[in-house]
N, C-alpha and C. Protein backbone atom coordinates (compact mmCIF):
# COMPACT_ATOMS: atom_id res chain seq x y z
N UNK A 1 40.40 15.56 -4.26
CA UNK A 1 40.33 14.34 -3.48
C UNK A 1 41.76 13.94 -3.11
N UNK A 2 41.92 13.53 -1.87
CA UNK A 2 43.28 13.17 -1.45
C UNK A 2 43.63 11.78 -1.97
N UNK A 3 44.93 11.47 -2.05
CA UNK A 3 45.38 10.19 -2.65
C UNK A 3 44.87 8.95 -1.91
N UNK A 4 44.71 9.03 -0.58
CA UNK A 4 44.22 7.86 0.16
C UNK A 4 42.78 7.53 -0.20
N UNK A 5 41.96 8.55 -0.29
CA UNK A 5 40.56 8.34 -0.70
C UNK A 5 40.48 7.80 -2.13
N UNK A 6 41.31 8.29 -2.99
CA UNK A 6 41.33 7.85 -4.38
C UNK A 6 41.71 6.37 -4.46
N UNK A 7 42.72 5.96 -3.69
CA UNK A 7 43.13 4.55 -3.67
C UNK A 7 41.99 3.67 -3.13
N UNK A 8 41.31 4.15 -2.10
CA UNK A 8 40.18 3.39 -1.54
C UNK A 8 39.09 3.18 -2.58
N UNK A 9 38.70 4.23 -3.29
CA UNK A 9 37.66 4.13 -4.31
C UNK A 9 38.10 3.23 -5.47
N UNK A 10 39.37 3.31 -5.82
CA UNK A 10 39.88 2.46 -6.90
C UNK A 10 39.81 1.00 -6.50
N UNK A 11 40.20 0.66 -5.26
CA UNK A 11 40.14 -0.72 -4.78
C UNK A 11 38.69 -1.21 -4.75
N UNK A 12 37.79 -0.35 -4.36
CA UNK A 12 36.37 -0.70 -4.31
C UNK A 12 35.83 -1.01 -5.71
N UNK A 13 36.19 -0.19 -6.69
CA UNK A 13 35.72 -0.43 -8.06
C UNK A 13 36.32 -1.71 -8.64
N UNK A 14 37.54 -2.05 -8.25
CA UNK A 14 38.15 -3.30 -8.69
C UNK A 14 37.36 -4.51 -8.20
N UNK A 15 36.86 -4.40 -6.97
CA UNK A 15 36.08 -5.50 -6.39
C UNK A 15 34.82 -5.74 -7.22
N UNK A 16 34.15 -4.68 -7.66
CA UNK A 16 32.92 -4.82 -8.43
C UNK A 16 33.16 -5.34 -9.84
N UNK A 17 34.39 -5.24 -10.32
CA UNK A 17 34.70 -5.72 -11.67
C UNK A 17 35.03 -7.20 -11.70
N UNK A 18 35.20 -7.82 -10.55
CA UNK A 18 35.56 -9.23 -10.50
C UNK A 18 34.31 -10.09 -10.67
N UNK A 19 34.43 -11.12 -11.49
CA UNK A 19 33.30 -12.00 -11.79
C UNK A 19 32.79 -12.71 -10.54
N UNK A 20 33.69 -13.10 -9.65
CA UNK A 20 33.30 -13.80 -8.43
C UNK A 20 32.35 -12.96 -7.57
N UNK A 21 32.59 -11.64 -7.52
CA UNK A 21 31.72 -10.75 -6.75
C UNK A 21 30.29 -10.84 -7.24
N UNK A 22 30.08 -10.78 -8.56
CA UNK A 22 28.73 -10.79 -9.11
C UNK A 22 28.07 -12.16 -9.00
N UNK A 23 28.87 -13.24 -9.11
CA UNK A 23 28.30 -14.58 -8.93
C UNK A 23 27.75 -14.73 -7.52
N UNK A 24 28.49 -14.21 -6.55
CA UNK A 24 28.04 -14.31 -5.16
C UNK A 24 26.87 -13.36 -4.91
N UNK A 25 26.95 -12.15 -5.46
CA UNK A 25 25.90 -11.15 -5.22
C UNK A 25 24.57 -11.57 -5.82
N UNK A 26 24.60 -12.27 -6.95
CA UNK A 26 23.37 -12.65 -7.63
C UNK A 26 22.97 -14.10 -7.38
N UNK A 27 23.67 -14.78 -6.51
CA UNK A 27 23.36 -16.16 -6.17
C UNK A 27 22.05 -16.20 -5.40
N UNK A 28 21.06 -16.97 -5.85
CA UNK A 28 19.76 -17.01 -5.16
C UNK A 28 19.87 -17.45 -3.70
N UNK A 29 20.79 -18.38 -3.41
CA UNK A 29 20.94 -18.84 -2.04
C UNK A 29 21.44 -17.72 -1.14
N UNK A 30 22.38 -16.93 -1.66
CA UNK A 30 22.91 -15.81 -0.88
C UNK A 30 21.82 -14.75 -0.70
N UNK A 31 21.06 -14.49 -1.75
CA UNK A 31 19.98 -13.50 -1.64
C UNK A 31 18.96 -13.93 -0.60
N UNK A 32 18.64 -15.22 -0.58
CA UNK A 32 17.65 -15.71 0.39
C UNK A 32 18.16 -15.55 1.81
N UNK A 33 19.44 -15.80 2.01
CA UNK A 33 20.01 -15.70 3.35
C UNK A 33 20.18 -14.26 3.79
N UNK A 34 20.39 -13.36 2.88
CA UNK A 34 20.76 -11.98 3.24
C UNK A 34 19.63 -10.99 3.00
N UNK A 35 18.42 -11.41 3.24
CA UNK A 35 17.35 -10.43 3.27
C UNK A 35 16.49 -10.33 2.04
N UNK A 36 16.40 -11.38 1.25
CA UNK A 36 15.51 -11.34 0.09
C UNK A 36 14.07 -11.08 0.53
N UNK A 37 13.70 -11.66 1.68
CA UNK A 37 12.34 -11.45 2.20
C UNK A 37 12.12 -9.97 2.49
N UNK A 38 13.11 -9.31 3.09
CA UNK A 38 12.97 -7.88 3.37
C UNK A 38 12.78 -7.09 2.09
N UNK A 39 13.53 -7.47 1.05
CA UNK A 39 13.39 -6.79 -0.24
C UNK A 39 11.98 -6.95 -0.78
N UNK A 40 11.47 -8.19 -0.76
CA UNK A 40 10.13 -8.43 -1.28
C UNK A 40 9.08 -7.73 -0.44
N UNK A 41 9.25 -7.70 0.87
CA UNK A 41 8.30 -6.99 1.73
C UNK A 41 8.30 -5.50 1.41
N UNK A 42 9.47 -4.91 1.20
CA UNK A 42 9.55 -3.50 0.85
C UNK A 42 8.92 -3.24 -0.51
N UNK A 43 9.09 -4.18 -1.43
CA UNK A 43 8.48 -4.04 -2.75
C UNK A 43 6.96 -4.03 -2.62
N UNK A 44 6.43 -4.91 -1.77
CA UNK A 44 4.98 -4.94 -1.58
C UNK A 44 4.49 -3.66 -0.93
N UNK A 45 5.26 -3.12 0.01
CA UNK A 45 4.87 -1.86 0.63
C UNK A 45 4.83 -0.76 -0.41
N UNK A 46 5.81 -0.73 -1.29
CA UNK A 46 5.84 0.29 -2.33
C UNK A 46 4.64 0.14 -3.24
N UNK A 47 4.35 -1.11 -3.59
CA UNK A 47 3.20 -1.35 -4.47
C UNK A 47 1.92 -0.85 -3.82
N UNK A 48 1.84 -1.00 -2.50
CA UNK A 48 0.63 -0.61 -1.80
C UNK A 48 0.44 0.90 -1.68
N UNK A 49 1.41 1.69 -2.07
CA UNK A 49 1.24 3.14 -1.97
C UNK A 49 0.41 3.70 -3.11
N UNK A 50 0.14 2.91 -4.12
CA UNK A 50 -0.65 3.36 -5.26
C UNK A 50 -1.95 2.57 -5.30
N UNK A 51 -3.06 3.20 -5.50
CA UNK A 51 -3.31 4.62 -5.72
C UNK A 51 -3.31 5.40 -4.40
N UNK A 52 -3.13 6.70 -4.51
CA UNK A 52 -3.12 7.56 -3.33
C UNK A 52 -4.53 7.65 -2.75
N UNK A 53 -4.60 7.61 -1.41
CA UNK A 53 -5.89 7.59 -0.72
C UNK A 53 -5.88 8.51 0.49
N UNK A 54 -7.05 8.95 0.88
CA UNK A 54 -7.28 9.65 2.14
C UNK A 54 -8.42 8.94 2.84
N UNK A 55 -8.27 8.74 4.15
CA UNK A 55 -9.33 8.13 4.96
C UNK A 55 -9.59 9.06 6.13
N UNK A 56 -10.85 9.53 6.24
CA UNK A 56 -11.18 10.45 7.33
C UNK A 56 -12.60 10.19 7.81
N UNK A 57 -12.90 10.74 8.99
CA UNK A 57 -14.20 10.54 9.62
C UNK A 57 -14.94 11.86 9.74
N UNK A 58 -16.24 11.82 9.45
CA UNK A 58 -17.17 12.92 9.71
C UNK A 58 -18.37 12.30 10.40
N UNK A 59 -18.58 12.72 11.62
CA UNK A 59 -19.67 12.19 12.45
C UNK A 59 -19.60 10.66 12.50
N UNK A 60 -20.61 9.96 12.02
CA UNK A 60 -20.66 8.50 12.12
C UNK A 60 -20.32 7.82 10.79
N UNK A 61 -19.57 8.52 9.95
CA UNK A 61 -19.20 7.97 8.64
C UNK A 61 -17.69 8.06 8.44
N UNK A 62 -17.13 7.04 7.75
CA UNK A 62 -15.76 7.12 7.26
C UNK A 62 -15.82 7.41 5.78
N UNK A 63 -14.91 8.23 5.31
CA UNK A 63 -14.80 8.55 3.89
C UNK A 63 -13.43 8.10 3.41
N UNK A 64 -13.41 7.27 2.38
CA UNK A 64 -12.17 6.83 1.76
C UNK A 64 -12.15 7.38 0.35
N UNK A 65 -11.25 8.34 0.12
CA UNK A 65 -11.11 8.95 -1.20
C UNK A 65 -9.89 8.35 -1.89
N UNK A 66 -10.10 7.88 -3.12
CA UNK A 66 -9.07 7.17 -3.87
C UNK A 66 -8.86 7.87 -5.20
N UNK A 67 -7.64 8.30 -5.48
CA UNK A 67 -7.33 8.97 -6.75
C UNK A 67 -7.16 7.92 -7.85
N UNK A 68 -8.00 7.99 -8.87
CA UNK A 68 -7.95 7.06 -9.99
C UNK A 68 -8.12 7.82 -11.31
N UNK A 69 -7.21 8.74 -11.61
CA UNK A 69 -7.36 9.55 -12.82
C UNK A 69 -7.31 8.70 -14.09
N UNK A 70 -8.22 8.97 -14.99
CA UNK A 70 -8.24 8.29 -16.27
C UNK A 70 -8.90 6.93 -16.25
N UNK A 71 -9.36 6.47 -15.10
CA UNK A 71 -10.01 5.16 -15.03
C UNK A 71 -11.52 5.30 -14.96
N UNK A 72 -12.21 4.23 -15.31
CA UNK A 72 -13.66 4.19 -15.22
C UNK A 72 -14.03 3.07 -14.24
N UNK A 73 -15.30 2.93 -13.95
CA UNK A 73 -15.75 1.88 -13.04
C UNK A 73 -15.46 0.49 -13.62
N UNK A 74 -15.33 0.38 -14.94
CA UNK A 74 -15.00 -0.91 -15.56
C UNK A 74 -13.55 -1.30 -15.32
N UNK A 75 -12.69 -0.34 -15.00
CA UNK A 75 -11.26 -0.59 -14.81
C UNK A 75 -10.90 -1.01 -13.39
N UNK A 76 -11.84 -0.91 -12.45
CA UNK A 76 -11.51 -1.19 -11.05
C UNK A 76 -12.50 -2.17 -10.43
N UNK A 77 -12.06 -2.80 -9.37
CA UNK A 77 -12.91 -3.65 -8.54
C UNK A 77 -12.64 -3.25 -7.10
N UNK A 78 -13.70 -3.01 -6.35
CA UNK A 78 -13.58 -2.63 -4.95
C UNK A 78 -14.39 -3.62 -4.12
N UNK A 79 -13.77 -4.14 -3.08
CA UNK A 79 -14.49 -5.07 -2.20
C UNK A 79 -14.18 -4.73 -0.74
N UNK A 80 -15.00 -5.29 0.14
CA UNK A 80 -14.82 -5.11 1.58
C UNK A 80 -14.77 -6.49 2.21
N UNK A 81 -13.63 -6.84 2.80
CA UNK A 81 -13.44 -8.16 3.39
C UNK A 81 -12.69 -8.03 4.70
N UNK A 82 -13.19 -8.67 5.73
CA UNK A 82 -12.52 -8.76 7.03
C UNK A 82 -12.01 -7.40 7.54
N UNK A 83 -12.88 -6.41 7.43
CA UNK A 83 -12.54 -5.08 7.94
C UNK A 83 -11.59 -4.28 7.07
N UNK A 84 -11.38 -4.71 5.81
CA UNK A 84 -10.47 -4.01 4.91
C UNK A 84 -11.16 -3.71 3.58
N UNK A 85 -10.86 -2.54 3.04
CA UNK A 85 -11.27 -2.21 1.68
C UNK A 85 -10.15 -2.66 0.76
N UNK A 86 -10.50 -3.40 -0.29
CA UNK A 86 -9.51 -3.88 -1.25
C UNK A 86 -9.82 -3.27 -2.61
N UNK A 87 -8.83 -2.57 -3.16
CA UNK A 87 -8.99 -1.90 -4.45
C UNK A 87 -8.06 -2.58 -5.45
N UNK A 88 -8.63 -3.05 -6.57
CA UNK A 88 -7.84 -3.69 -7.63
C UNK A 88 -8.17 -3.00 -8.94
N UNK A 89 -7.19 -2.92 -9.80
CA UNK A 89 -7.44 -2.33 -11.10
C UNK A 89 -6.25 -2.41 -12.01
N UNK A 90 -6.38 -1.78 -13.17
CA UNK A 90 -5.30 -1.78 -14.15
C UNK A 90 -5.34 -0.49 -14.95
N UNK A 91 -4.20 0.17 -15.03
CA UNK A 91 -4.04 1.34 -15.90
C UNK A 91 -3.58 0.86 -17.26
N UNK A 92 -4.28 1.25 -18.30
CA UNK A 92 -3.89 0.93 -19.67
C UNK A 92 -3.50 2.25 -20.34
N UNK A 93 -2.21 2.49 -20.46
CA UNK A 93 -1.78 3.77 -21.04
C UNK A 93 -1.12 3.62 -22.40
N UNK A 94 -0.77 2.40 -22.78
CA UNK A 94 -0.09 2.17 -24.05
C UNK A 94 -1.09 2.22 -25.20
N UNK A 95 -0.84 3.07 -26.15
CA UNK A 95 -1.69 3.19 -27.34
C UNK A 95 -1.04 2.41 -28.47
N UNK A 96 -1.66 1.32 -28.86
CA UNK A 96 -1.07 0.48 -29.90
C UNK A 96 -1.04 1.23 -31.23
N UNK A 97 0.00 0.98 -31.99
CA UNK A 97 0.15 1.61 -33.29
C UNK A 97 0.68 3.04 -33.21
N UNK A 98 1.12 3.47 -32.04
CA UNK A 98 1.63 4.82 -31.85
C UNK A 98 3.14 4.80 -31.70
N UNK A 99 3.79 5.83 -32.21
CA UNK A 99 5.23 6.00 -32.02
C UNK A 99 5.43 7.00 -30.89
N UNK A 100 5.95 6.53 -29.77
CA UNK A 100 6.13 7.38 -28.59
C UNK A 100 7.46 8.12 -28.65
N UNK A 101 7.43 9.39 -28.33
CA UNK A 101 8.65 10.19 -28.15
C UNK A 101 8.93 10.39 -26.67
N UNK A 102 7.90 10.23 -25.87
CA UNK A 102 8.01 10.30 -24.42
C UNK A 102 6.95 9.36 -23.84
N UNK A 103 7.36 8.46 -22.94
CA UNK A 103 6.41 7.53 -22.32
C UNK A 103 6.74 7.45 -20.84
N UNK A 104 6.07 8.28 -20.03
CA UNK A 104 6.31 8.31 -18.59
C UNK A 104 5.22 7.58 -17.81
N UNK A 105 4.03 7.50 -18.37
CA UNK A 105 2.92 6.85 -17.67
C UNK A 105 2.98 5.35 -17.96
N UNK A 106 3.06 4.57 -16.89
CA UNK A 106 3.19 3.12 -17.04
C UNK A 106 1.82 2.46 -17.13
N UNK A 107 1.74 1.42 -17.94
CA UNK A 107 0.58 0.52 -17.88
C UNK A 107 0.89 -0.44 -16.76
N UNK A 108 -0.03 -0.53 -15.80
CA UNK A 108 0.27 -1.38 -14.65
C UNK A 108 -1.00 -1.79 -13.94
N UNK A 109 -0.92 -2.96 -13.31
CA UNK A 109 -1.98 -3.44 -12.45
C UNK A 109 -1.67 -2.97 -11.03
N UNK A 110 -2.71 -2.82 -10.23
CA UNK A 110 -2.48 -2.42 -8.84
C UNK A 110 -3.48 -3.11 -7.93
N UNK A 111 -3.08 -3.23 -6.67
CA UNK A 111 -3.96 -3.74 -5.62
C UNK A 111 -3.54 -3.04 -4.34
N UNK A 112 -4.54 -2.62 -3.58
CA UNK A 112 -4.27 -1.93 -2.32
C UNK A 112 -5.31 -2.34 -1.30
N UNK A 113 -4.84 -2.64 -0.09
CA UNK A 113 -5.73 -3.00 1.01
C UNK A 113 -5.62 -1.95 2.09
N UNK A 114 -6.76 -1.48 2.56
CA UNK A 114 -6.79 -0.44 3.60
C UNK A 114 -7.66 -0.93 4.74
N UNK A 115 -7.04 -1.10 5.91
CA UNK A 115 -7.77 -1.55 7.10
C UNK A 115 -8.59 -0.39 7.65
N UNK A 116 -9.80 -0.69 8.04
CA UNK A 116 -10.68 0.31 8.62
C UNK A 116 -10.45 0.39 10.13
N UNK A 117 -10.47 1.61 10.68
CA UNK A 117 -10.20 1.76 12.11
C UNK A 117 -11.38 1.39 13.00
N UNK A 118 -12.58 1.23 12.42
CA UNK A 118 -13.78 0.91 13.17
C UNK A 118 -14.56 -0.17 12.44
N UNK A 119 -15.44 -0.90 13.14
CA UNK A 119 -16.35 -1.83 12.44
C UNK A 119 -17.29 -1.04 11.52
N UNK A 120 -17.60 -1.62 10.38
CA UNK A 120 -18.39 -0.96 9.34
C UNK A 120 -19.70 -1.73 9.13
N UNK A 121 -20.78 -0.99 8.86
CA UNK A 121 -22.05 -1.62 8.47
C UNK A 121 -21.97 -1.87 6.96
N UNK A 122 -21.60 -3.08 6.61
CA UNK A 122 -21.29 -3.41 5.22
C UNK A 122 -22.47 -3.20 4.27
N UNK A 123 -23.66 -3.47 4.72
CA UNK A 123 -24.84 -3.37 3.85
C UNK A 123 -25.18 -1.92 3.48
N UNK A 124 -24.60 -0.94 4.18
CA UNK A 124 -24.92 0.47 3.91
C UNK A 124 -23.78 1.23 3.23
N UNK A 125 -22.75 0.52 2.75
CA UNK A 125 -21.63 1.18 2.07
C UNK A 125 -22.12 1.77 0.75
N UNK A 126 -21.75 3.03 0.50
CA UNK A 126 -22.10 3.72 -0.75
C UNK A 126 -20.81 4.23 -1.40
N UNK A 127 -20.93 4.71 -2.65
CA UNK A 127 -19.76 5.29 -3.32
C UNK A 127 -20.18 6.34 -4.33
N UNK A 128 -19.21 7.19 -4.67
CA UNK A 128 -19.34 8.12 -5.79
C UNK A 128 -18.05 8.03 -6.59
N UNK A 129 -18.12 8.40 -7.86
CA UNK A 129 -16.94 8.40 -8.72
C UNK A 129 -17.07 9.57 -9.67
N UNK A 130 -16.24 10.59 -9.46
CA UNK A 130 -16.35 11.79 -10.27
C UNK A 130 -14.97 12.41 -10.45
N UNK A 131 -14.65 12.79 -11.68
CA UNK A 131 -13.39 13.46 -12.00
C UNK A 131 -12.16 12.71 -11.48
N UNK A 132 -12.17 11.39 -11.60
CA UNK A 132 -11.03 10.58 -11.19
C UNK A 132 -10.90 10.35 -9.70
N UNK A 133 -11.91 10.78 -8.92
CA UNK A 133 -11.88 10.58 -7.48
C UNK A 133 -13.00 9.62 -7.09
N UNK A 134 -12.61 8.43 -6.64
CA UNK A 134 -13.56 7.41 -6.19
C UNK A 134 -13.69 7.57 -4.68
N UNK A 135 -14.91 7.79 -4.19
CA UNK A 135 -15.14 8.00 -2.76
C UNK A 135 -16.06 6.92 -2.22
N UNK A 136 -15.57 6.21 -1.22
CA UNK A 136 -16.40 5.25 -0.51
C UNK A 136 -16.92 5.90 0.76
N UNK A 137 -18.20 5.72 1.04
CA UNK A 137 -18.82 6.24 2.25
C UNK A 137 -19.19 5.02 3.09
N UNK A 138 -18.52 4.90 4.23
CA UNK A 138 -18.62 3.70 5.06
C UNK A 138 -19.22 4.06 6.42
N UNK A 139 -20.46 3.62 6.69
CA UNK A 139 -21.09 3.93 7.98
C UNK A 139 -20.43 3.11 9.10
N UNK A 140 -20.10 3.80 10.17
CA UNK A 140 -19.47 3.17 11.33
C UNK A 140 -20.53 2.47 12.15
N UNK A 141 -20.25 1.24 12.52
CA UNK A 141 -21.18 0.49 13.36
C UNK A 141 -20.99 0.97 14.80
N UNK A 142 -22.05 1.56 15.32
CA UNK A 142 -22.00 2.10 16.68
C UNK A 142 -22.25 0.99 17.69
N UNK A 143 -21.56 1.05 18.79
CA UNK A 143 -21.82 0.10 19.88
C UNK A 143 -23.07 0.54 20.61
N UNK A 144 -24.08 -0.31 20.63
CA UNK A 144 -25.32 -0.01 21.33
C UNK A 144 -25.28 -0.50 22.78
N UNK A 145 -24.13 -0.96 23.18
CA UNK A 145 -24.02 -1.49 24.52
C UNK A 145 -24.07 -0.37 25.54
N UNK A 146 -24.82 -0.61 26.57
CA UNK A 146 -24.98 0.37 27.63
C UNK A 146 -23.88 0.14 28.67
N UNK A 147 -23.32 1.22 29.16
CA UNK A 147 -22.30 1.10 30.19
C UNK A 147 -22.95 0.68 31.49
N UNK A 148 -22.41 -0.35 32.09
CA UNK A 148 -22.96 -0.88 33.34
C UNK A 148 -21.93 -0.62 34.43
N UNK A 149 -22.38 0.04 35.48
CA UNK A 149 -21.51 0.28 36.63
C UNK A 149 -21.49 -0.95 37.51
N UNK A 150 -20.33 -1.32 37.97
CA UNK A 150 -20.18 -2.45 38.88
C UNK A 150 -19.84 -1.89 40.25
N UNK A 151 -20.67 -2.24 41.18
CA UNK A 151 -20.46 -1.74 42.54
C UNK A 151 -19.34 -2.56 43.19
N UNK A 152 -18.36 -1.88 43.70
CA UNK A 152 -17.23 -2.53 44.34
C UNK A 152 -17.37 -2.38 45.84
N UNK A 153 -17.40 -3.50 46.54
CA UNK A 153 -17.53 -3.44 47.99
C UNK A 153 -16.19 -3.14 48.61
N UNK A 154 -16.24 -2.45 49.72
CA UNK A 154 -15.01 -2.13 50.45
C UNK A 154 -14.46 -3.39 51.07
N UNK A 155 -13.13 -3.47 51.07
CA UNK A 155 -12.46 -4.63 51.64
C UNK A 155 -12.48 -4.54 53.15
N UNK A 156 -12.77 -5.64 53.80
CA UNK A 156 -12.82 -5.68 55.26
C UNK A 156 -11.48 -6.20 55.75
N UNK A 157 -10.82 -5.41 56.56
CA UNK A 157 -9.53 -5.80 57.13
C UNK A 157 -9.74 -6.60 58.40
N UNK A 158 -9.11 -7.71 58.55
CA UNK A 158 -9.21 -8.54 59.78
C UNK A 158 -8.21 -8.14 60.82
């Protein structure tokens, strides 16, 4: 590393060691002004990535497959509101009275909302749950409206 770059990095590290820097960086008023909302929005987006899902269409049905390994129907709640499927649940991975040498699986609550691309016939929604895969079968509401042709008259030029 050349001496100029080294001096630059040293000056930068000195800035982070000053108490005033951290008071300003962690000041709630400064955080609110400088994008705290963006941080919280990104956190919500990250939260919404779990559990992993696939949504696809076959003929007149939508299929929403949700990965929920290790959970049972008692651990989750699924609802359909305003054109969205809402999945709520909680992973309980902590075994009380155990001495852990490795703990990578988190105990955590989750909620995920998935907007449907088409209107759904709510009364005909079905589901299956097998081997950690929860599948919702959502019938698409077909438009029974008939296409009506409108006759357009030719414009008369004066």
